[in-house]
Amino acid sequence: MKTPNDPRHKRRQDLVQELFSMDFHTQKVSPRAKEIFQNKNAVDQTIEKIAPDFPVEKINKVDLAILRLAIYELTVEKKTPPNVIIDEAVELAKEFGGDKSPAFINGALGKVTQHG
């Protein structure tokens, strides 16, 4: 069972915080955050496909950072099973997002896995 102190969960927490910060200012970031951000356009296009009612620029910045990380892991990295990535993203949404964030993240990522 995953705990809040799980090192993989902690790394994802740190990445979400870095990706969130990168939307506001330039800073020195980890190589992984930089790689995810370099794939931002492709990831954002995926977000536009799976959540057409929510323009990327209108999505809550915390939710957007979580989605970017999870979609990157699902579509580019492909090292972790999809159900683990989605579970982690929902947990991050519970920690950092608003009341509706977990359901939004879960629904959006479910569409990613359905569309291949």
PDB file of N, CA and C in Angstrom:
ATOM      1  N   MET A   1       0.836  -1.190   0.000  1.00  0.00           N
ATOM      2  CA  MET A   1       0.000   0.000   0.000  1.00  0.00           C
ATOM      3  C   MET A   1       0.873   1.243   0.000  1.00  0.00           C
ATOM      4  N   LYS A   2       0.481   2.192  -0.809  1.00  0.00           N
ATOM      5  CA  LYS A   2       1.238   3.442  -0.924  1.00  0.00           C
ATOM      6  C   LYS A   2       1.025   4.291   0.323  1.00  0.00           C
ATOM      7  N   THR A   3       2.078   4.907   0.771  1.00  0.00           N
ATOM      8  CA  THR A   3       1.990   5.823   1.910  1.00  0.00           C
ATOM      9  C   THR A   3       2.420   7.210   1.452  1.00  0.00           C
ATOM     10  N   PRO A   4       2.063   8.247   2.214  1.00  0.00           N
ATOM     11  CA  PRO A   4       2.498   9.602   1.832  1.00  0.00           C
ATOM     12  C   PRO A   4       4.015   9.756   1.762  1.00  0.00           C
ATOM     13  N   ASN A   5       4.728   8.847   2.409  1.00  0.00           N
ATOM     14  CA  ASN A   5       6.194   8.919   2.404  1.00  0.00           C
ATOM     15  C   ASN A   5       6.826   8.053   1.331  1.00  0.00           C
ATOM     16  N   ASP A   6       6.021   7.408   0.499  1.00  0.00           N
ATOM     17  CA  ASP A   6       6.527   6.598  -0.609  1.00  0.00           C
ATOM     18  C   ASP A   6       7.409   7.477  -1.485  1.00  0.00           C
ATOM     19  N   PRO A   7       8.638   7.068  -1.773  1.00  0.00           N
ATOM     20  CA  PRO A   7       9.549   7.925  -2.545  1.00  0.00           C
ATOM     21  C   PRO A   7       9.033   8.250  -3.950  1.00  0.00           C
ATOM     22  N   ARG A   8       8.316   7.325  -4.576  1.00  0.00           N
ATOM     23  CA  ARG A   8       7.764   7.608  -5.916  1.00  0.00           C
ATOM     24  C   ARG A   8       6.690   8.679  -5.821  1.00  0.00           C
ATOM     25  N   HIS A   9       5.873   8.602  -4.782  1.00  0.00           N
ATOM     26  CA  HIS A   9       4.827   9.613  -4.596  1.00  0.00           C
ATOM     27  C   HIS A   9       5.466  10.977  -4.301  1.00  0.00           C
ATOM     28  N   LYS A  10       6.491  10.976  -3.476  1.00  0.00           N
ATOM     29  CA  LYS A  10       7.188  12.228  -3.137  1.00  0.00           C
ATOM     30  C   LYS A  10       7.797  12.861  -4.387  1.00  0.00           C
ATOM     31  N   ARG A  11       8.395  12.036  -5.282  1.00  0.00           N
ATOM     32  CA  ARG A  11       8.963  12.572  -6.529  1.00  0.00           C
ATOM     33  C   ARG A  11       7.865  13.201  -7.385  1.00  0.00           C
ATOM     34  N   ARG A  12       6.708  12.544  -7.444  1.00  0.00           N
ATOM     35  CA  ARG A  12       5.609  13.110  -8.230  1.00  0.00           C
ATOM     36  C   ARG A  12       5.109  14.411  -7.605  1.00  0.00           C
ATOM     37  N   GLN A  13       5.045  14.472  -6.294  1.00  0.00           N
ATOM     38  CA  GLN A  13       4.660  15.722  -5.625  1.00  0.00           C
ATOM     39  C   GLN A  13       5.608  16.850  -6.026  1.00  0.00           C
ATOM     40  N   ASP A  14       6.894  16.562  -5.973  1.00  0.00           N
ATOM     41  CA  ASP A  14       7.898  17.565  -6.319  1.00  0.00           C
ATOM     42  C   ASP A  14       7.759  17.998  -7.786  1.00  0.00           C
ATOM     43  N   LEU A  15       7.520  17.039  -8.677  1.00  0.00           N
ATOM     44  CA  LEU A  15       7.363  17.367 -10.098  1.00  0.00           C
ATOM     45  C   LEU A  15       6.129  18.227 -10.344  1.00  0.00           C
ATOM     46  N   VAL A  16       5.029  17.922  -9.687  1.00  0.00           N
ATOM     47  CA  VAL A  16       3.826  18.740  -9.841  1.00  0.00           C
ATOM     48  C   VAL A  16       4.120  20.168  -9.395  1.00  0.00           C
ATOM     49  N   GLN A  17       4.814  20.312  -8.291  1.00  0.00           N
ATOM     50  CA  GLN A  17       5.147  21.653  -7.811  1.00  0.00           C
ATOM     51  C   GLN A  17       6.058  22.388  -8.791  1.00  0.00           C
ATOM     52  N   GLU A  18       7.020  21.688  -9.367  1.00  0.00           N
ATOM     53  CA  GLU A  18       7.907  22.309 -10.356  1.00  0.00           C
ATOM     54  C   GLU A  18       7.134  22.710 -11.613  1.00  0.00           C
ATOM     55  N   LEU A  19       6.289  21.797 -12.110  1.00  0.00           N
ATOM     56  CA  LEU A  19       5.520  22.100 -13.316  1.00  0.00           C
ATOM     57  C   LEU A  19       4.556  23.265 -13.074  1.00  0.00           C
ATOM     58  N   PHE A  20       3.969  23.314 -11.909  1.00  0.00           N
ATOM     59  CA  PHE A  20       3.100  24.427 -11.542  1.00  0.00           C
ATOM     60  C   PHE A  20       3.881  25.737 -11.574  1.00  0.00           C
ATOM     61  N   SER A  21       5.055  25.744 -10.959  1.00  0.00           N
ATOM     62  CA  SER A  21       5.880  26.955 -10.894  1.00  0.00           C
ATOM     63  C   SER A  21       6.333  27.422 -12.272  1.00  0.00           C
ATOM     64  N   MET A  22       6.584  26.466 -13.169  1.00  0.00           N
ATOM     65  CA  MET A  22       7.093  26.816 -14.494  1.00  0.00           C
ATOM     66  C   MET A  22       6.085  27.607 -15.318  1.00  0.00           C
ATOM     67  N   ASP A  23       4.814  27.527 -14.968  1.00  0.00           N
ATOM     68  CA  ASP A  23       3.808  28.321 -15.668  1.00  0.00           C
ATOM     69  C   ASP A  23       3.894  29.801 -15.302  1.00  0.00           C
ATOM     70  N   PHE A  24       4.580  30.116 -14.222  1.00  0.00           N
ATOM     71  CA  PHE A  24       4.617  31.491 -13.736  1.00  0.00           C
ATOM     72  C   PHE A  24       5.967  32.176 -13.904  1.00  0.00           C
ATOM     73  N   HIS A  25       7.044  31.422 -13.824  1.00  0.00           N
ATOM     74  CA  HIS A  25       8.362  32.039 -13.961  1.00  0.00           C
ATOM     75  C   HIS A  25       9.416  31.013 -14.322  1.00  0.00           C
ATOM     76  N   THR A  26      10.491  31.502 -14.893  1.00  0.00           N
ATOM     77  CA  THR A  26      11.610  30.651 -15.260  1.00  0.00           C
ATOM     78  C   THR A  26      12.431  30.382 -14.004  1.00  0.00           C
ATOM     79  N   GLN A  27      12.846  29.171 -13.883  1.00  0.00           N
ATOM     80  CA  GLN A  27      13.638  28.796 -12.715  1.00  0.00           C
ATOM     81  C   GLN A  27      14.483  27.583 -13.069  1.00  0.00           C
ATOM     82  N   LYS A  28      15.404  27.266 -12.216  1.00  0.00           N
ATOM     83  CA  LYS A  28      16.178  26.046 -12.408  1.00  0.00           C
ATOM     84  C   LYS A  28      15.312  24.892 -11.923  1.00  0.00           C
ATOM     85  N   VAL A  29      15.129  23.893 -12.795  1.00  0.00           N
ATOM     86  CA  VAL A  29      14.271  22.760 -12.460  1.00  0.00           C
ATOM     87  C   VAL A  29      15.013  21.453 -12.705  1.00  0.00           C
ATOM     88  N   SER A  30      14.426  20.387 -12.227  1.00  0.00           N
ATOM     89  CA  SER A  30      15.028  19.068 -12.410  1.00  0.00           C
ATOM     90  C   SER A  30      15.005  18.697 -13.892  1.00  0.00           C
ATOM     91  N   PRO A  31      15.909  17.805 -14.296  1.00  0.00           N
ATOM     92  CA  PRO A  31      15.918  17.366 -15.698  1.00  0.00           C
ATOM     93  C   PRO A  31      14.581  16.750 -16.124  1.00  0.00           C
ATOM     94  N   ARG A  32      13.927  16.015 -15.228  1.00  0.00           N
ATOM     95  CA  ARG A  32      12.651  15.387 -15.591  1.00  0.00           C
ATOM     96  C   ARG A  32      11.565  16.437 -15.802  1.00  0.00           C
ATOM     97  N   ALA A  33      11.500  17.436 -14.939  1.00  0.00           N
ATOM     98  CA  ALA A  33      10.509  18.503 -15.119  1.00  0.00           C
ATOM     99  C   ALA A  33      10.771  19.239 -16.423  1.00  0.00           C
ATOM    100  N   LYS A  34      12.042  19.470 -16.730  1.00  0.00           N
ATOM    101  CA  LYS A  34      12.397  20.143 -17.982  1.00  0.00           C
ATOM    102  C   LYS A  34      11.954  19.312 -19.180  1.00  0.00           C
ATOM    103  N   GLU A  35      12.159  18.003 -19.112  1.00  0.00           N
ATOM    104  CA  GLU A  35      11.758  17.112 -20.206  1.00  0.00           C
ATOM    105  C   GLU A  35      10.236  17.129 -20.384  1.00  0.00           C
ATOM    106  N   ILE A  36       9.517  17.091 -19.283  1.00  0.00           N
ATOM    107  CA  ILE A  36       8.050  17.139 -19.358  1.00  0.00           C
ATOM    108  C   ILE A  36       7.616  18.466 -19.969  1.00  0.00           C
ATOM    109  N   PHE A  37       8.226  19.546 -19.522  1.00  0.00           N
ATOM    110  CA  PHE A  37       7.852  20.868 -20.026  1.00  0.00           C
ATOM    111  C   PHE A  37       8.204  21.016 -21.508  1.00  0.00           C
ATOM    112  N   GLN A  38       9.268  20.360 -21.953  1.00  0.00           N
ATOM    113  CA  GLN A  38       9.625  20.407 -23.372  1.00  0.00           C
ATOM    114  C   GLN A  38       8.601  19.687 -24.237  1.00  0.00           C
ATOM    115  N   ASN A  39       7.848  18.782 -23.638  1.00  0.00           N
ATOM    116  CA  ASN A  39       6.787  18.059 -24.342  1.00  0.00           C
ATOM    117  C   ASN A  39       5.422  18.693 -24.092  1.00  0.00           C
ATOM    118  N   LYS A  40       5.419  19.902 -23.545  1.00  0.00           N
ATOM    119  CA  LYS A  40       4.183  20.570 -23.137  1.00  0.00           C
ATOM    120  C   LYS A  40       3.194  20.720 -24.285  1.00  0.00           C
ATOM    121  N   ASN A  41       3.637  21.085 -25.470  1.00  0.00           N
ATOM    122  CA  ASN A  41       2.708  21.296 -26.583  1.00  0.00           C
ATOM    123  C   ASN A  41       1.970  20.017 -26.944  1.00  0.00           C
ATOM    124  N   ALA A  42       2.682  18.915 -27.045  1.00  0.00           N
ATOM    125  CA  ALA A  42       2.042  17.631 -27.371  1.00  0.00           C
ATOM    126  C   ALA A  42       1.100  17.202 -26.251  1.00  0.00           C
ATOM    127  N   VAL A  43       1.537  17.375 -25.019  1.00  0.00           N
ATOM    128  CA  VAL A  43       0.701  17.016 -23.869  1.00  0.00           C
ATOM    129  C   VAL A  43      -0.551  17.895 -23.842  1.00  0.00           C
ATOM    130  N   ASP A  44      -0.376  19.185 -24.075  1.00  0.00           N
ATOM    131  CA  ASP A  44      -1.524  20.100 -24.069  1.00  0.00           C
ATOM    132  C   ASP A  44      -2.505  19.781 -25.200  1.00  0.00           C
ATOM    133  N   GLN A  45      -2.004  19.319 -26.329  1.00  0.00           N
ATOM    134  CA  GLN A  45      -2.900  18.908 -27.416  1.00  0.00           C
ATOM    135  C   GLN A  45      -3.734  17.701 -26.976  1.00  0.00           C
ATOM    136  N   THR A  46      -3.131  16.804 -26.234  1.00  0.00           N
ATOM    137  CA  THR A  46      -3.872  15.661 -25.698  1.00  0.00           C
ATOM    138  C   THR A  46      -4.951  16.144 -24.729  1.00  0.00           C
ATOM    139  N   ILE A  47      -4.607  17.107 -23.893  1.00  0.00           N
ATOM    140  CA  ILE A  47      -5.584  17.656 -22.948  1.00  0.00           C
ATOM    141  C   ILE A  47      -6.755  18.268 -23.706  1.00  0.00           C
ATOM    142  N   GLU A  48      -6.471  18.997 -24.774  1.00  0.00           N
ATOM    143  CA  GLU A  48      -7.539  19.612 -25.570  1.00  0.00           C
ATOM    144  C   GLU A  48      -8.456  18.560 -26.184  1.00  0.00           C
ATOM    145  N   LYS A  49      -7.897  17.401 -26.561  1.00  0.00           N
ATOM    146  CA  LYS A  49      -8.704  16.323 -27.148  1.00  0.00           C
ATOM    147  C   LYS A  49      -9.599  15.650 -26.110  1.00  0.00           C
ATOM    148  N   ILE A  50      -9.058  15.417 -24.912  1.00  0.00           N
ATOM    149  CA  ILE A  50      -9.809  14.665 -23.904  1.00  0.00           C
ATOM    150  C   ILE A  50     -10.737  15.537 -23.074  1.00  0.00           C
ATOM    151  N   ALA A  51     -10.487  16.823 -23.051  1.00  0.00           N
ATOM    152  CA  ALA A  51     -11.320  17.751 -22.271  1.00  0.00           C
ATOM    153  C   ALA A  51     -11.658  18.978 -23.122  1.00  0.00           C
ATOM    154  N   PRO A  52     -12.391  18.769 -24.236  1.00  0.00           N
ATOM    155  CA  PRO A  52     -12.651  19.883 -25.152  1.00  0.00           C
ATOM    156  C   PRO A  52     -13.460  21.032 -24.540  1.00  0.00           C
ATOM    157  N   ASP A  53     -14.197  20.753 -23.479  1.00  0.00           N
ATOM    158  CA  ASP A  53     -14.975  21.803 -22.821  1.00  0.00           C
ATOM    159  C   ASP A  53     -14.136  22.659 -21.870  1.00  0.00           C
ATOM    160  N   PHE A  54     -12.868  22.262 -21.691  1.00  0.00           N
ATOM    161  CA  PHE A  54     -11.985  22.963 -20.758  1.00  0.00           C
ATOM    162  C   PHE A  54     -10.722  23.401 -21.488  1.00  0.00           C
ATOM    163  N   PRO A  55     -10.691  24.614 -22.043  1.00  0.00           N
ATOM    164  CA  PRO A  55      -9.467  25.094 -22.700  1.00  0.00           C
ATOM    165  C   PRO A  55      -8.292  25.062 -21.718  1.00  0.00           C
ATOM    166  N   VAL A  56      -7.132  24.681 -22.204  1.00  0.00           N
ATOM    167  CA  VAL A  56      -5.948  24.542 -21.355  1.00  0.00           C
ATOM    168  C   VAL A  56      -5.696  25.800 -20.534  1.00  0.00           C
ATOM    169  N   GLU A  57      -5.863  26.957 -21.156  1.00  0.00           N
ATOM    170  CA  GLU A  57      -5.585  28.204 -20.422  1.00  0.00           C
ATOM    171  C   GLU A  57      -6.608  28.497 -19.323  1.00  0.00           C
ATOM    172  N   LYS A  58      -7.727  27.775 -19.312  1.00  0.00           N
ATOM    173  CA  LYS A  58      -8.769  27.980 -18.300  1.00  0.00           C
ATOM    174  C   LYS A  58      -8.725  26.936 -17.184  1.00  0.00           C
ATOM    175  N   ILE A  59      -7.952  25.864 -17.380  1.00  0.00           N
ATOM    176  CA  ILE A  59      -7.862  24.806 -16.363  1.00  0.00           C
ATOM    177  C   ILE A  59      -7.051  25.330 -15.179  1.00  0.00           C
ATOM    178  N   ASN A  60      -7.534  25.014 -13.987  1.00  0.00           N
ATOM    179  CA  ASN A  60      -6.828  25.352 -12.757  1.00  0.00           C
ATOM    180  C   ASN A  60      -5.366  24.929 -12.909  1.00  0.00           C
ATOM    181  N   LYS A  61      -4.444  25.801 -12.558  1.00  0.00           N
ATOM    182  CA  LYS A  61      -3.009  25.549 -12.791  1.00  0.00           C
ATOM    183  C   LYS A  61      -2.490  24.314 -12.055  1.00  0.00           C
ATOM    184  N   VAL A  62      -3.032  24.029 -10.892  1.00  0.00           N
ATOM    185  CA  VAL A  62      -2.611  22.828 -10.170  1.00  0.00           C
ATOM    186  C   VAL A  62      -3.090  21.594 -10.924  1.00  0.00           C
ATOM    187  N   ASP A  63      -4.352  21.592 -11.339  1.00  0.00           N
ATOM    188  CA  ASP A  63      -4.880  20.469 -12.110  1.00  0.00           C
ATOM    189  C   ASP A  63      -4.102  20.295 -13.409  1.00  0.00           C
ATOM    190  N   LEU A  64      -3.743  21.395 -14.028  1.00  0.00           N
ATOM    191  CA  LEU A  64      -2.992  21.346 -15.276  1.00  0.00           C
ATOM    192  C   LEU A  64      -1.622  20.714 -15.065  1.00  0.00           C
ATOM    193  N   ALA A  65      -0.948  21.068 -13.992  1.00  0.00           N
ATOM    194  CA  ALA A  65       0.363  20.475 -13.698  1.00  0.00           C
ATOM    195  C   ALA A  65       0.235  18.968 -13.466  1.00  0.00           C
ATOM    196  N   ILE A  66      -0.813  18.558 -12.754  1.00  0.00           N
ATOM    197  CA  ILE A  66      -1.039  17.128 -12.503  1.00  0.00           C
ATOM    198  C   ILE A  66      -1.335  16.412 -13.809  1.00  0.00           C
ATOM    199  N   LEU A  67      -2.205  16.991 -14.632  1.00  0.00           N
ATOM    200  CA  LEU A  67      -2.526  16.390 -15.927  1.00  0.00           C
ATOM    201  C   LEU A  67      -1.288  16.283 -16.809  1.00  0.00           C
ATOM    202  N   ARG A  68      -0.483  17.326 -16.849  1.00  0.00           N
ATOM    203  CA  ARG A  68       0.720  17.295 -17.686  1.00  0.00           C
ATOM    204  C   ARG A  68       1.649  16.168 -17.268  1.00  0.00           C
ATOM    205  N   LEU A  69       1.855  16.012 -15.976  1.00  0.00           N
ATOM    206  CA  LEU A  69       2.719  14.941 -15.488  1.00  0.00           C
ATOM    207  C   LEU A  69       2.134  13.582 -15.854  1.00  0.00           C
ATOM    208  N   ALA A  70       0.873  13.379 -15.556  1.00  0.00           N
ATOM    209  CA  ALA A  70       0.255  12.070 -15.793  1.00  0.00           C
ATOM    210  C   ALA A  70       0.180  11.739 -17.284  1.00  0.00           C
ATOM    211  N   ILE A  71      -0.193  12.703 -18.109  1.00  0.00           N
ATOM    212  CA  ILE A  71      -0.280  12.447 -19.547  1.00  0.00           C
ATOM    213  C   ILE A  71       1.099  12.185 -20.124  1.00  0.00           C
ATOM    214  N   TYR A  72       2.102  12.896 -19.652  1.00  0.00           N
ATOM    215  CA  TYR A  72       3.474  12.622 -20.077  1.00  0.00           C
ATOM    216  C   TYR A  72       3.845  11.178 -19.734  1.00  0.00           C
ATOM    217  N   GLU A  73       3.551  10.762 -18.499  1.00  0.00           N
ATOM    218  CA  GLU A  73       3.876   9.403 -18.082  1.00  0.00           C
ATOM    219  C   GLU A  73       3.096   8.364 -18.899  1.00  0.00           C
ATOM    220  N   LEU A  74       1.844   8.679 -19.242  1.00  0.00           N
ATOM    221  CA  LEU A  74       1.002   7.737 -19.990  1.00  0.00           C
ATOM    222  C   LEU A  74       1.371   7.639 -21.467  1.00  0.00           C
ATOM    223  N   THR A  75       1.716   8.783 -22.078  1.00  0.00           N
ATOM    224  CA  THR A  75       1.866   8.803 -23.535  1.00  0.00           C
ATOM    225  C   THR A  75       3.309   8.868 -24.036  1.00  0.00           C
ATOM    226  N   VAL A  76       4.209   9.387 -23.239  1.00  0.00           N
ATOM    227  CA  VAL A  76       5.597   9.529 -23.683  1.00  0.00           C
ATOM    228  C   VAL A  76       6.490   8.521 -22.957  1.00  0.00           C
ATOM    229  N   GLU A  77       6.477   8.578 -21.660  1.00  0.00           N
ATOM    230  CA  GLU A  77       7.377   7.753 -20.865  1.00  0.00           C
ATOM    231  C   GLU A  77       6.988   6.265 -20.891  1.00  0.00           C
ATOM    232  N   LYS A  78       5.750   5.968 -20.638  1.00  0.00           N
ATOM    233  CA  LYS A  78       5.187   4.605 -20.707  1.00  0.00           C
ATOM    234  C   LYS A  78       5.970   3.582 -19.897  1.00  0.00           C
ATOM    235  N   LYS A  79       6.451   3.964 -18.720  1.00  0.00           N
ATOM    236  CA  LYS A  79       7.216   3.051 -17.873  1.00  0.00           C
ATOM    237  C   LYS A  79       6.367   2.453 -16.748  1.00  0.00           C
ATOM    238  N   THR A  80       5.292   3.126 -16.397  1.00  0.00           N
ATOM    239  CA  THR A  80       4.465   2.746 -15.262  1.00  0.00           C
ATOM    240  C   THR A  80       3.092   2.316 -15.767  1.00  0.00           C
ATOM    241  N   PRO A  81       2.485   1.312 -15.151  1.00  0.00           N
ATOM    242  CA  PRO A  81       1.150   0.899 -15.589  1.00  0.00           C
ATOM    243  C   PRO A  81       0.147   2.054 -15.495  1.00  0.00           C
ATOM    244  N   PRO A  82      -0.736   2.179 -16.482  1.00  0.00           N
ATOM    245  CA  PRO A  82      -1.701   3.290 -16.501  1.00  0.00           C
ATOM    246  C   PRO A  82      -2.531   3.417 -15.225  1.00  0.00           C
ATOM    247  N   ASN A  83      -2.964   2.292 -14.649  1.00  0.00           N
ATOM    248  CA  ASN A  83      -3.787   2.393 -13.441  1.00  0.00           C
ATOM    249  C   ASN A  83      -3.002   3.000 -12.280  1.00  0.00           C
ATOM    250  N   VAL A  84      -1.705   2.765 -12.221  1.00  0.00           N
ATOM    251  CA  VAL A  84      -0.860   3.350 -11.166  1.00  0.00           C
ATOM    252  C   VAL A  84      -0.726   4.858 -11.395  1.00  0.00           C
ATOM    253  N   ILE A  85      -0.504   5.254 -12.633  1.00  0.00           N
ATOM    254  CA  ILE A  85      -0.372   6.681 -12.963  1.00  0.00           C
ATOM    255  C   ILE A  85      -1.656   7.419 -12.620  1.00  0.00           C
ATOM    256  N   ILE A  86      -2.794   6.859 -13.001  1.00  0.00           N
ATOM    257  CA  ILE A  86      -4.077   7.516 -12.728  1.00  0.00           C
ATOM    258  C   ILE A  86      -4.324   7.594 -11.227  1.00  0.00           C
ATOM    259  N   ASP A  87      -4.058   6.510 -10.499  1.00  0.00           N
ATOM    260  CA  ASP A  87      -4.236   6.521  -9.041  1.00  0.00           C
ATOM    261  C   ASP A  87      -3.372   7.598  -8.404  1.00  0.00           C
ATOM    262  N   GLU A  88      -2.113   7.685  -8.829  1.00  0.00           N
ATOM    263  CA  GLU A  88      -1.203   8.705  -8.289  1.00  0.00           C
ATOM    264  C   GLU A  88      -1.717  10.113  -8.601  1.00  0.00           C
ATOM    265  N   ALA A  89      -2.173  10.313  -9.823  1.00  0.00           N
ATOM    266  CA  ALA A  89      -2.669  11.637 -10.212  1.00  0.00           C
ATOM    267  C   ALA A  89      -3.888  12.031  -9.385  1.00  0.00           C
ATOM    268  N   VAL A  90      -4.779  11.085  -9.151  1.00  0.00           N
ATOM    269  CA  VAL A  90      -5.962  11.368  -8.322  1.00  0.00           C
ATOM    270  C   VAL A  90      -5.532  11.703  -6.892  1.00  0.00           C
ATOM    271  N   GLU A  91      -4.574  10.965  -6.370  1.00  0.00           N
ATOM    272  CA  GLU A  91      -4.065  11.266  -5.022  1.00  0.00           C
ATOM    273  C   GLU A  91      -3.446  12.662  -4.966  1.00  0.00           C
ATOM    274  N   LEU A  92      -2.681  13.031  -5.986  1.00  0.00           N
ATOM    275  CA  LEU A  92      -2.093  14.369  -6.035  1.00  0.00           C
ATOM    276  C   LEU A  92      -3.191  15.429  -6.113  1.00  0.00           C
ATOM    277  N   ALA A  93      -4.252  15.132  -6.856  1.00  0.00           N
ATOM    278  CA  ALA A  93      -5.375  16.080  -6.963  1.00  0.00           C
ATOM    279  C   ALA A  93      -6.060  16.242  -5.610  1.00  0.00           C
ATOM    280  N   LYS A  94      -6.157  15.174  -4.841  1.00  0.00           N
ATOM    281  CA  LYS A  94      -6.744  15.267  -3.499  1.00  0.00           C
ATOM    282  C   LYS A  94      -5.874  16.125  -2.582  1.00  0.00           C
ATOM    283  N   GLU A  95      -4.555  16.005  -2.747  1.00  0.00           N
ATOM    284  CA  GLU A  95      -3.621  16.747  -1.899  1.00  0.00           C
ATOM    285  C   GLU A  95      -3.536  18.223  -2.266  1.00  0.00           C
ATOM    286  N   PHE A  96      -3.446  18.504  -3.585  1.00  0.00           N
ATOM    287  CA  PHE A  96      -3.139  19.855  -4.029  1.00  0.00           C
ATOM    288  C   PHE A  96      -4.306  20.593  -4.678  1.00  0.00           C
ATOM    289  N   GLY A  97      -5.267  19.862  -5.209  1.00  0.00           N
ATOM    290  CA  GLY A  97      -6.341  20.476  -5.984  1.00  0.00           C
ATOM    291  C   GLY A  97      -7.552  20.854  -5.153  1.00  0.00           C
ATOM    292  N   GLY A  98      -8.589  21.257  -5.865  1.00  0.00           N
ATOM    293  CA  GLY A  98      -9.843  21.623  -5.229  1.00  0.00           C
ATOM    294  C   GLY A  98     -10.750  20.412  -5.058  1.00  0.00           C
ATOM    295  N   ASP A  99     -11.969  20.670  -4.596  1.00  0.00           N
ATOM    296  CA  ASP A  99     -12.923  19.601  -4.330  1.00  0.00           C
ATOM    297  C   ASP A  99     -13.253  18.777  -5.571  1.00  0.00           C
ATOM    298  N   LYS A 100     -13.315  19.410  -6.727  1.00  0.00           N
ATOM    299  CA  LYS A 100     -13.697  18.720  -7.954  1.00  0.00           C
ATOM    300  C   LYS A 100     -12.492  18.179  -8.730  1.00  0.00           C
ATOM    301  N   SER A 101     -11.307  18.500  -8.279  1.00  0.00           N
ATOM    302  CA  SER A 101     -10.090  18.090  -8.993  1.00  0.00           C
ATOM    303  C   SER A 101      -9.938  16.584  -9.154  1.00  0.00           C
ATOM    304  N   PRO A 102     -10.114  15.791  -8.093  1.00  0.00           N
ATOM    305  CA  PRO A 102      -9.918  14.345  -8.269  1.00  0.00           C
ATOM    306  C   PRO A 102     -10.829  13.741  -9.346  1.00  0.00           C
ATOM    307  N   ALA A 103     -12.082  14.126  -9.359  1.00  0.00           N
ATOM    308  CA  ALA A 103     -13.016  13.590 -10.357  1.00  0.00           C
ATOM    309  C   ALA A 103     -12.637  14.057 -11.758  1.00  0.00           C
ATOM    310  N   PHE A 104     -12.248  15.321 -11.897  1.00  0.00           N
ATOM    311  CA  PHE A 104     -11.843  15.853 -13.199  1.00  0.00           C
ATOM    312  C   PHE A 104     -10.609  15.123 -13.721  1.00  0.00           C
ATOM    313  N   ILE A 105      -9.611  14.973 -12.867  1.00  0.00           N
ATOM    314  CA  ILE A 105      -8.363  14.302 -13.245  1.00  0.00           C
ATOM    315  C   ILE A 105      -8.647  12.845 -13.625  1.00  0.00           C
ATOM    316  N   ASN A 106      -9.424  12.157 -12.809  1.00  0.00           N
ATOM    317  CA  ASN A 106      -9.753  10.764 -13.069  1.00  0.00           C
ATOM    318  C   ASN A 106     -10.485  10.604 -14.405  1.00  0.00           C
ATOM    319  N   GLY A 107     -11.469  11.451 -14.645  1.00  0.00           N
ATOM    320  CA  GLY A 107     -12.226  11.379 -15.891  1.00  0.00           C
ATOM    321  C   GLY A 107     -11.380  11.678 -17.111  1.00  0.00           C
ATOM    322  N   ALA A 108     -10.563  12.710 -17.014  1.00  0.00           N
ATOM    323  CA  ALA A 108      -9.718  13.090 -18.148  1.00  0.00           C
ATOM    324  C   ALA A 108      -8.700  11.993 -18.465  1.00  0.00           C
ATOM    325  N   LEU A 109      -8.056  11.461 -17.442  1.00  0.00           N
ATOM    326  CA  LEU A 109      -7.050  10.424 -17.674  1.00  0.00           C
ATOM    327  C   LEU A 109      -7.680   9.116 -18.129  1.00  0.00           C
ATOM    328  N   GLY A 110      -8.887   8.856 -17.692  1.00  0.00           N
ATOM    329  CA  GLY A 110      -9.610   7.683 -18.190  1.00  0.00           C
ATOM    330  C   GLY A 110      -9.816   7.758 -19.688  1.00  0.00           C
ATOM    331  N   LYS A 111     -10.064   8.973 -20.178  1.00  0.00           N
ATOM    332  CA  LYS A 111     -10.229   9.161 -21.622  1.00  0.00           C
ATOM    333  C   LYS A 111      -8.914   8.941 -22.368  1.00  0.00           C
ATOM    334  N   VAL A 112      -7.812   9.311 -21.757  1.00  0.00           N
ATOM    335  CA  VAL A 112      -6.502   9.090 -22.389  1.00  0.00           C
ATOM    336  C   VAL A 112      -6.288   7.588 -22.588  1.00  0.00           C
ATOM    337  N   THR A 113      -6.572   6.806 -21.558  1.00  0.00           N
ATOM    338  CA  THR A 113      -6.334   5.369 -21.680  1.00  0.00           C
ATOM    339  C   THR A 113      -7.323   4.709 -22.624  1.00  0.00           C
ATOM    340  N   GLN A 114      -8.516   5.255 -22.752  1.00  0.00           N
ATOM    341  CA  GLN A 114      -9.508   4.699 -23.703  1.00  0.00           C
ATOM    342  C   GLN A 114      -9.127   4.971 -25.145  1.00  0.00           C
ATOM    343  N   HIS A 115      -8.506   6.131 -25.383  1.00  0.00           N
ATOM    344  CA  HIS A 115      -8.153   6.527 -26.750  1.00  0.00           C
ATOM    345  C   HIS A 115      -6.764   6.070 -27.165  1.00  0.00           C
ATOM    346  N   GLY A 116      -6.160   5.250 -26.334  1.00  0.00           N
ATOM    347  CA  GLY A 116      -4.883   4.667 -26.738  1.00  0.00           C
ATOM    348  C   GLY A 116      -3.733   5.504 -26.384  1.00  0.00           C
TER     349      GLY A 116
END
